[in-house]
Amino acid sequence: MRLFLRHATEKVIVYRSVKAALVVGSVLALINHYDGLIAGVLTTKTILQIGLTYLVPYAVSTYGSAMQARHLEVRGGRK
């Protein structure tokens, strides 16, 4: 777990995950909340949903990158 967390907080992985979350989260937020965003009707519930819409791709990207980095470190880079 410690090894995973060390990789998950590496600058390169955080940066990559933020970029992925911004792109994927924006597309999903537009798809799921287009009407409310255009009408300017943002309730607290909608804002929380949009936040989660960005959080999920960030978490998925971070998990995948950190697990790959962990795997490579544990195996010593061997295939």
C-alpha atoms as a PDB file:
ATOM      1  CA  MET A   1       0.000   0.000   0.000  1.00  0.00           C
ATOM      2  CA  ARG A   2       2.848   2.347   0.852  1.00  0.00           C
ATOM      3  CA  LEU A   3       4.465   1.717  -2.519  1.00  0.00           C
ATOM      4  CA  PHE A   4       1.175   2.392  -4.297  1.00  0.00           C
ATOM      5  CA  LEU A   5       0.640   5.669  -2.399  1.00  0.00           C
ATOM      6  CA  ARG A   6       4.202   6.782  -3.130  1.00  0.00           C
ATOM      7  CA  HIS A   7       3.623   6.308  -6.850  1.00  0.00           C
ATOM      8  CA  ALA A   8       0.093   7.772  -6.748  1.00  0.00           C
ATOM      9  CA  THR A   9       1.482  11.038  -5.365  1.00  0.00           C
ATOM     10  CA  GLU A  10       4.372  11.361  -7.826  1.00  0.00           C
ATOM     11  CA  LYS A  11       4.260  14.647  -9.705  1.00  0.00           C
ATOM     12  CA  VAL A  12       4.162  13.027 -13.156  1.00  0.00           C
ATOM     13  CA  ILE A  13       1.259  10.743 -12.236  1.00  0.00           C
ATOM     14  CA  VAL A  14      -0.740  13.525 -10.574  1.00  0.00           C
ATOM     15  CA  TYR A  15      -0.177  15.774 -13.598  1.00  0.00           C
ATOM     16  CA  ARG A  16      -1.229  13.031 -16.038  1.00  0.00           C
ATOM     17  CA  SER A  17      -4.315  12.220 -13.964  1.00  0.00           C
ATOM     18  CA  VAL A  18      -5.370  15.876 -13.735  1.00  0.00           C
ATOM     19  CA  LYS A  19      -5.122  16.221 -17.526  1.00  0.00           C
ATOM     20  CA  ALA A  20      -7.191  13.072 -18.037  1.00  0.00           C
ATOM     21  CA  ALA A  21      -9.775  14.206 -15.480  1.00  0.00           C
ATOM     22  CA  LEU A  22     -10.110  17.625 -17.111  1.00  0.00           C
ATOM     23  CA  VAL A  23     -10.697  16.170 -20.561  1.00  0.00           C
ATOM     24  CA  VAL A  24     -12.881  13.192 -19.640  1.00  0.00           C
ATOM     25  CA  GLY A  25     -14.660  15.006 -16.803  1.00  0.00           C
ATOM     26  CA  SER A  26     -15.535  17.965 -19.031  1.00  0.00           C
ATOM     27  CA  VAL A  27     -16.985  15.719 -21.717  1.00  0.00           C
ATOM     28  CA  LEU A  28     -18.996  13.728 -19.172  1.00  0.00           C
ATOM     29  CA  ALA A  29     -20.178  16.868 -17.356  1.00  0.00           C
ATOM     30  CA  LEU A  30     -21.435  18.309 -20.641  1.00  0.00           C
ATOM     31  CA  ILE A  31     -23.161  15.067 -21.575  1.00  0.00           C
ATOM     32  CA  ASN A  32     -24.788  14.574 -18.174  1.00  0.00           C
ATOM     33  CA  HIS A  33     -25.529  18.170 -17.146  1.00  0.00           C
ATOM     34  CA  TYR A  34     -25.802  20.085 -20.416  1.00  0.00           C
ATOM     35  CA  ASP A  35     -29.312  21.422 -19.771  1.00  0.00           C
ATOM     36  CA  GLY A  36     -28.515  22.704 -16.303  1.00  0.00           C
ATOM     37  CA  LEU A  37     -25.203  24.246 -17.353  1.00  0.00           C
ATOM     38  CA  ILE A  38     -26.738  26.079 -20.319  1.00  0.00           C
ATOM     39  CA  ALA A  39     -29.734  27.262 -18.268  1.00  0.00           C
ATOM     40  CA  GLY A  40     -27.439  28.340 -15.435  1.00  0.00           C
ATOM     41  CA  VAL A  41     -29.365  26.213 -12.950  1.00  0.00           C
ATOM     42  CA  LEU A  42     -26.781  24.697 -10.654  1.00  0.00           C
ATOM     43  CA  THR A  43     -28.040  23.241  -7.416  1.00  0.00           C
ATOM     44  CA  THR A  44     -25.782  21.961  -4.679  1.00  0.00           C
ATOM     45  CA  LYS A  45     -26.636  18.433  -5.793  1.00  0.00           C
ATOM     46  CA  THR A  46     -25.639  19.211  -9.400  1.00  0.00           C
ATOM     47  CA  ILE A  47     -22.345  20.769  -8.300  1.00  0.00           C
ATOM     48  CA  LEU A  48     -21.527  17.663  -6.229  1.00  0.00           C
ATOM     49  CA  GLN A  49     -22.397  15.434  -9.177  1.00  0.00           C
ATOM     50  CA  ILE A  50     -20.135  17.461 -11.462  1.00  0.00           C
ATOM     51  CA  GLY A  51     -17.340  17.229  -8.884  1.00  0.00           C
ATOM     52  CA  LEU A  52     -17.699  13.461  -8.833  1.00  0.00           C
ATOM     53  CA  THR A  53     -17.739  13.490 -12.633  1.00  0.00           C
ATOM     54  CA  TYR A  54     -14.187  14.891 -12.494  1.00  0.00           C
ATOM     55  CA  LEU A  55     -13.088  12.800  -9.528  1.00  0.00           C
ATOM     56  CA  VAL A  56     -13.840   9.422 -11.111  1.00  0.00           C
ATOM     57  CA  PRO A  57     -11.535   9.755 -14.166  1.00  0.00           C
ATOM     58  CA  TYR A  58      -8.840  11.229 -11.892  1.00  0.00           C
ATOM     59  CA  ALA A  59      -9.074   8.207  -9.596  1.00  0.00           C
ATOM     60  CA  VAL A  60      -9.087   5.720 -12.477  1.00  0.00           C
ATOM     61  CA  SER A  61      -6.097   7.330 -14.155  1.00  0.00           C
ATOM     62  CA  THR A  62      -4.158   7.567 -10.884  1.00  0.00           C
ATOM     63  CA  TYR A  63      -4.926   3.961  -9.987  1.00  0.00           C
ATOM     64  CA  GLY A  64      -3.838   2.659 -13.387  1.00  0.00           C
ATOM     65  CA  SER A  65      -0.639   4.695 -13.512  1.00  0.00           C
ATOM     66  CA  ALA A  66       0.362   3.984  -9.912  1.00  0.00           C
ATOM     67  CA  MET A  67      -0.313   0.256 -10.233  1.00  0.00           C
ATOM     68  CA  GLN A  68       1.750   0.087 -13.415  1.00  0.00           C
ATOM     69  CA  ALA A  69       4.633   1.978 -11.786  1.00  0.00           C
ATOM     70  CA  ARG A  70       4.368  -0.276  -8.720  1.00  0.00           C
ATOM     71  CA  HIS A  71       4.316  -3.375 -10.900  1.00  0.00           C
ATOM     72  CA  LEU A  72       7.425  -2.266 -12.786  1.00  0.00           C
ATOM     73  CA  GLU A  73       9.246  -1.464  -9.573  1.00  0.00           C
ATOM     74  CA  VAL A  74       8.348  -4.772  -7.913  1.00  0.00           C
ATOM     75  CA  ARG A  75       9.329  -6.782 -10.987  1.00  0.00           C
ATOM     76  CA  GLY A  76      12.457  -4.678 -11.552  1.00  0.00           C
ATOM     77  CA  GLY A  77      11.338  -3.609 -15.021  1.00  0.00           C
ATOM     78  CA  ARG A  78      11.448  -7.179 -16.350  1.00  0.00           C
ATOM     79  CA  LYS A  79       8.784  -8.472 -18.729  1.00  0.00           C
END
